[in-house]
Structure formats: structure tokens, C-alpha cells
Amino acid sequence: MKAIGKNIVINKIEEEVTTDSGLLLSSKDRSDMRYQKGEVFLTGSDVLNLNVGDKIYYDTRQCYTLVIDGEARTVIQERDVVVVL
């Protein structure tokens, strides 16, 4: 498997967030949040600033999910990465 151009294949990282009042929110409960954490699985041939294994935050409105070899993988473009941790 190989990503083409500026495409990046990532694995979503499920995060739990605790509100100020102590409520524990899963990622499904946080559907109003636009950005989500992920880990880079593959980078395309034209991606310059990311490496496999990098932890990132990306725009969830600009992604799509594919099932590859029985695993759900998310595909985004390099421009949709907002933060590299």
C-alpha cells in the first residue's frame, strides 16, 4: 500500500476529555469539536513535513475513512493537518 501525492493515511486516536464539572466525554460525545488527534500511518510521495509515527491534530471535516486490510484508516491531505505534536 502506498499513499499518493499530498495524501496522508492516519489512525485515529480516541481521546477522552474531562469537563470542568468532572464529566468524562468520549470522542463520540465531542462531535462538535472540529479537530481530532491521529497518528500518521503512511505519507504520500509529495508530503514533506510529516513522518510515519507523528502525532497530529487534523480537521475532521476534510477527511474520509477507508477499510484497508480489515482496518479502518482515515485519509486526509497534508493541508488539513493543523498541529504536529
C-alpha atoms as a PDB file:
ATOM      1  CA  MET A   1       0.000   0.000   0.000  1.00  0.00           C
ATOM      2  CA  LYS A   2       1.274   3.466  -0.878  1.00  0.00           C
ATOM      3  CA  ALA A   3      -0.224   6.928  -0.399  1.00  0.00           C
ATOM      4  CA  ILE A   4      -0.080   9.179  -3.461  1.00  0.00           C
ATOM      5  CA  GLY A   5       0.757  12.884  -3.677  1.00  0.00           C
ATOM      6  CA  LYS A   6      -0.173  15.025  -0.654  1.00  0.00           C
ATOM      7  CA  ASN A   7      -2.414  12.341   0.895  1.00  0.00           C
ATOM      8  CA  ILE A   8      -1.749  11.008   4.399  1.00  0.00           C
ATOM      9  CA  VAL A   9      -3.180   7.829   5.880  1.00  0.00           C
ATOM     10  CA  ILE A  10      -3.690   8.065   9.630  1.00  0.00           C
ATOM     11  CA  ASN A  11      -5.005   6.063  12.544  1.00  0.00           C
ATOM     12  CA  LYS A  12      -7.466   7.957  14.714  1.00  0.00           C
ATOM     13  CA  ILE A  13      -6.547   8.248  18.380  1.00  0.00           C
ATOM     14  CA  GLU A  14      -9.560   8.093  20.659  1.00  0.00           C
ATOM     15  CA  GLU A  15      -9.289  10.752  23.336  1.00  0.00           C
ATOM     16  CA  GLU A  16     -11.309  11.201  26.495  1.00  0.00           C
ATOM     17  CA  VAL A  17     -11.866  14.713  27.777  1.00  0.00           C
ATOM     18  CA  THR A  18     -12.957  15.713  31.265  1.00  0.00           C
ATOM     19  CA  THR A  19     -15.109  18.823  31.520  1.00  0.00           C
ATOM     20  CA  ASP A  20     -14.690  21.432  34.272  1.00  0.00           C
ATOM     21  CA  SER A  21     -17.580  19.808  36.176  1.00  0.00           C
ATOM     22  CA  GLY A  22     -15.902  16.388  36.032  1.00  0.00           C
ATOM     23  CA  LEU A  23     -17.896  14.739  33.240  1.00  0.00           C
ATOM     24  CA  LEU A  24     -15.904  12.325  31.095  1.00  0.00           C
ATOM     25  CA  LEU A  25     -16.590  12.775  27.352  1.00  0.00           C
ATOM     26  CA  SER A  26     -15.656  10.230  24.693  1.00  0.00           C
ATOM     27  CA  SER A  27     -14.831  11.264  21.116  1.00  0.00           C
ATOM     28  CA  LYS A  28     -18.411  10.455  20.070  1.00  0.00           C
ATOM     29  CA  ASP A  29     -19.739  12.823  22.734  1.00  0.00           C
ATOM     30  CA  ARG A  30     -17.454  15.553  21.405  1.00  0.00           C
ATOM     31  CA  SER A  31     -18.937  15.608  17.901  1.00  0.00           C
ATOM     32  CA  ASP A  32     -18.992  19.414  17.998  1.00  0.00           C
ATOM     33  CA  MET A  33     -15.188  19.543  18.152  1.00  0.00           C
ATOM     34  CA  ARG A  34     -13.709  20.088  14.720  1.00  0.00           C
ATOM     35  CA  TYR A  35     -10.190  18.755  15.319  1.00  0.00           C
ATOM     36  CA  GLN A  36      -9.157  15.264  16.334  1.00  0.00           C
ATOM     37  CA  LYS A  37      -5.901  13.558  17.250  1.00  0.00           C
ATOM     38  CA  GLY A  38      -4.317  10.944  14.992  1.00  0.00           C
ATOM     39  CA  GLU A  39      -1.085   9.123  14.249  1.00  0.00           C
ATOM     40  CA  VAL A  40       0.488   9.134  10.785  1.00  0.00           C
ATOM     41  CA  PHE A  41       0.430   5.628   9.285  1.00  0.00           C
ATOM     42  CA  LEU A  42       1.603   6.427   5.714  1.00  0.00           C
ATOM     43  CA  THR A  43       2.650   9.604   3.924  1.00  0.00           C
ATOM     44  CA  GLY A  44       2.284  10.371   0.243  1.00  0.00           C
ATOM     45  CA  SER A  45       5.184  10.928  -2.115  1.00  0.00           C
ATOM     46  CA  ASP A  46       4.798  14.736  -2.005  1.00  0.00           C
ATOM     47  CA  VAL A  47       4.433  15.141   1.786  1.00  0.00           C
ATOM     48  CA  LEU A  48       7.470  16.966   3.151  1.00  0.00           C
ATOM     49  CA  ASN A  49       6.830  17.868   6.791  1.00  0.00           C
ATOM     50  CA  LEU A  50       5.424  14.668   8.304  1.00  0.00           C
ATOM     51  CA  ASN A  51       6.875  11.285   9.160  1.00  0.00           C
ATOM     52  CA  VAL A  52       5.312   7.930   9.962  1.00  0.00           C
ATOM     53  CA  GLY A  53       4.507   7.813  13.681  1.00  0.00           C
ATOM     54  CA  ASP A  54       3.996  11.578  14.104  1.00  0.00           C
ATOM     55  CA  LYS A  55       1.070  12.531  16.342  1.00  0.00           C
ATOM     56  CA  ILE A  56      -1.118  15.216  14.756  1.00  0.00           C
ATOM     57  CA  TYR A  57      -4.372  17.119  15.070  1.00  0.00           C
ATOM     58  CA  TYR A  58      -6.355  17.287  11.836  1.00  0.00           C
ATOM     59  CA  ASP A  59      -9.573  18.820  10.501  1.00  0.00           C
ATOM     60  CA  THR A  60     -12.271  16.131  10.757  1.00  0.00           C
ATOM     61  CA  ARG A  61     -14.462  17.893   8.192  1.00  0.00           C
ATOM     62  CA  GLN A  62     -11.898  17.242   5.465  1.00  0.00           C
ATOM     63  CA  CYS A  63     -11.297  13.506   5.875  1.00  0.00           C
ATOM     64  CA  TYR A  64     -12.732  10.204   4.764  1.00  0.00           C
ATOM     65  CA  THR A  65     -12.391   6.674   6.072  1.00  0.00           C
ATOM     66  CA  LEU A  66     -11.467   3.545   4.130  1.00  0.00           C
ATOM     67  CA  VAL A  67     -11.290  -0.072   5.220  1.00  0.00           C
ATOM     68  CA  ILE A  68      -7.873  -1.370   4.177  1.00  0.00           C
ATOM     69  CA  ASP A  69      -6.890  -4.949   5.035  1.00  0.00           C
ATOM     70  CA  GLY A  70      -9.767  -5.104   7.519  1.00  0.00           C
ATOM     71  CA  GLU A  71      -8.633  -1.951   9.361  1.00  0.00           C
ATOM     72  CA  ALA A  72     -10.431   1.414   9.275  1.00  0.00           C
ATOM     73  CA  ARG A  73      -7.956   4.074   8.140  1.00  0.00           C
ATOM     74  CA  THR A  74      -8.566   7.785   7.730  1.00  0.00           C
ATOM     75  CA  VAL A  75      -7.220   9.654   4.700  1.00  0.00           C
ATOM     76  CA  ILE A  76      -6.516  13.385   4.790  1.00  0.00           C
ATOM     77  CA  GLN A  77      -4.446  15.844   2.809  1.00  0.00           C
ATOM     78  CA  GLU A  78      -1.321  17.485   4.179  1.00  0.00           C
ATOM     79  CA  ARG A  79      -3.048  20.891   4.246  1.00  0.00           C
ATOM     80  CA  ASP A  80      -5.640  19.546   6.724  1.00  0.00           C
ATOM     81  CA  VAL A  81      -3.036  18.926   9.451  1.00  0.00           C
ATOM     82  CA  VAL A  82      -3.215  21.785  11.946  1.00  0.00           C
ATOM     83  CA  VAL A  83      -0.715  20.688  14.631  1.00  0.00           C
ATOM     84  CA  VAL A  84       2.162  18.226  14.798  1.00  0.00           C
ATOM     85  CA  LEU A  85       2.914  17.168  18.381  1.00  0.00           C
END
